[in-house]
Amino acid sequence: MPTNGSAKYSSSVSSRTFLKSIPVLSINKKRFLEISEDAEKLASLESLDAHQEALSIRREKFSME
């Protein structure tokens, strides 16, 4: 609860304070294949090895279908 006058610029605790927001994105296969190579390069540059590998595996899977 805000105290010492902080309620002027801060809201109180509500049920939303305890909720976790998880964004969900969707993309079709065609668009994924268009951008996946660039995304894989970006993941590599940022040393996100697991993301890079996941993109590579998905690209192989989708290109076979």
C-alpha atoms as a PDB file:
ATOM      1  CA  MET A   1       0.000   0.000   0.000  1.00  0.00           C
ATOM      2  CA  PRO A   2       1.347   3.453  -0.862  1.00  0.00           C
ATOM      3  CA  THR A   3       2.440   5.435   2.176  1.00  0.00           C
ATOM      4  CA  ASN A   4       3.926   8.842   2.962  1.00  0.00           C
ATOM      5  CA  GLY A   5       2.001  10.540   0.151  1.00  0.00           C
ATOM      6  CA  SER A   6       3.206   8.194  -2.588  1.00  0.00           C
ATOM      7  CA  ALA A   7      -0.433   7.468  -3.522  1.00  0.00           C
ATOM      8  CA  LYS A   8      -0.319  10.693  -5.523  1.00  0.00           C
ATOM      9  CA  TYR A   9       1.809   8.994  -8.191  1.00  0.00           C
ATOM     10  CA  SER A  10       1.540   5.260  -7.431  1.00  0.00           C
ATOM     11  CA  SER A  11      -1.463   2.957  -7.574  1.00  0.00           C
ATOM     12  CA  SER A  12      -2.407   0.590  -4.810  1.00  0.00           C
ATOM     13  CA  VAL A  13      -2.054  -3.178  -4.892  1.00  0.00           C
ATOM     14  CA  SER A  14      -4.716  -4.953  -6.930  1.00  0.00           C
ATOM     15  CA  SER A  15      -5.324  -8.465  -8.187  1.00  0.00           C
ATOM     16  CA  ARG A  16      -3.493  -7.492 -11.420  1.00  0.00           C
ATOM     17  CA  THR A  17      -0.333  -7.034  -9.360  1.00  0.00           C
ATOM     18  CA  PHE A  18      -0.130 -10.812  -8.912  1.00  0.00           C
ATOM     19  CA  LEU A  19      -0.893 -11.859 -12.497  1.00  0.00           C
ATOM     20  CA  LYS A  20       1.814 -13.011 -14.862  1.00  0.00           C
ATOM     21  CA  SER A  21       1.453 -11.914 -18.460  1.00  0.00           C
ATOM     22  CA  ILE A  22       2.707 -14.328 -21.128  1.00  0.00           C
ATOM     23  CA  PRO A  23       2.616 -13.054 -24.721  1.00  0.00           C
ATOM     24  CA  VAL A  24       1.733 -15.606 -27.383  1.00  0.00           C
ATOM     25  CA  LEU A  25       2.751 -15.008 -30.980  1.00  0.00           C
ATOM     26  CA  SER A  26       1.748 -16.891 -34.073  1.00  0.00           C
ATOM     27  CA  ILE A  27       3.215 -16.951 -37.553  1.00  0.00           C
ATOM     28  CA  ASN A  28       2.386 -18.967 -40.646  1.00  0.00           C
ATOM     29  CA  LYS A  29       4.927 -21.377 -42.138  1.00  0.00           C
ATOM     30  CA  LYS A  30       5.575 -19.295 -45.252  1.00  0.00           C
ATOM     31  CA  ARG A  31       6.436 -16.178 -43.268  1.00  0.00           C
ATOM     32  CA  PHE A  32       8.520 -18.199 -40.803  1.00  0.00           C
ATOM     33  CA  LEU A  33      10.619 -19.603 -43.634  1.00  0.00           C
ATOM     34  CA  GLU A  34      11.094 -16.074 -45.008  1.00  0.00           C
ATOM     35  CA  ILE A  35      12.511 -14.665 -41.764  1.00  0.00           C
ATOM     36  CA  SER A  36      14.025 -17.695 -40.022  1.00  0.00           C
ATOM     37  CA  GLU A  37      17.449 -17.477 -41.650  1.00  0.00           C
ATOM     38  CA  ASP A  38      17.888 -13.863 -40.534  1.00  0.00           C
ATOM     39  CA  ALA A  39      16.581 -14.721 -37.073  1.00  0.00           C
ATOM     40  CA  GLU A  40      19.069 -17.575 -36.841  1.00  0.00           C
ATOM     41  CA  LYS A  41      21.950 -15.242 -37.770  1.00  0.00           C
ATOM     42  CA  LEU A  42      20.783 -12.744 -35.147  1.00  0.00           C
ATOM     43  CA  ALA A  43      20.603 -15.480 -32.502  1.00  0.00           C
ATOM     44  CA  SER A  44      24.134 -16.521 -33.423  1.00  0.00           C
ATOM     45  CA  LEU A  45      25.447 -12.957 -33.128  1.00  0.00           C
ATOM     46  CA  GLU A  46      23.868 -12.671 -29.684  1.00  0.00           C
ATOM     47  CA  SER A  47      25.262 -16.069 -28.598  1.00  0.00           C
ATOM     48  CA  LEU A  48      21.766 -17.496 -28.121  1.00  0.00           C
ATOM     49  CA  ASP A  49      22.795 -20.989 -29.157  1.00  0.00           C
ATOM     50  CA  ALA A  50      19.602 -22.775 -28.105  1.00  0.00           C
ATOM     51  CA  HIS A  51      17.452 -20.259 -30.019  1.00  0.00           C
ATOM     52  CA  GLN A  52      19.653 -20.659 -33.072  1.00  0.00           C
ATOM     53  CA  GLU A  53      19.359 -24.445 -32.908  1.00  0.00           C
ATOM     54  CA  ALA A  54      15.575 -24.297 -32.410  1.00  0.00           C
ATOM     55  CA  LEU A  55      15.210 -22.084 -35.489  1.00  0.00           C
ATOM     56  CA  SER A  56      17.386 -24.423 -37.521  1.00  0.00           C
ATOM     57  CA  ILE A  57      15.384 -27.497 -36.497  1.00  0.00           C
ATOM     58  CA  ARG A  58      12.039 -25.809 -37.199  1.00  0.00           C
ATOM     59  CA  ARG A  59      13.227 -24.523 -40.576  1.00  0.00           C
ATOM     60  CA  GLU A  60      14.286 -28.060 -41.579  1.00  0.00           C
ATOM     61  CA  LYS A  61      10.973 -29.490 -40.358  1.00  0.00           C
ATOM     62  CA  PHE A  62       8.848 -26.893 -42.168  1.00  0.00           C
ATOM     63  CA  SER A  63      10.792 -27.070 -45.422  1.00  0.00           C
ATOM     64  CA  MET A  64      10.216 -30.855 -45.574  1.00  0.00           C
ATOM     65  CA  GLU A  65       6.426 -30.524 -45.308  1.00  0.00           C
END
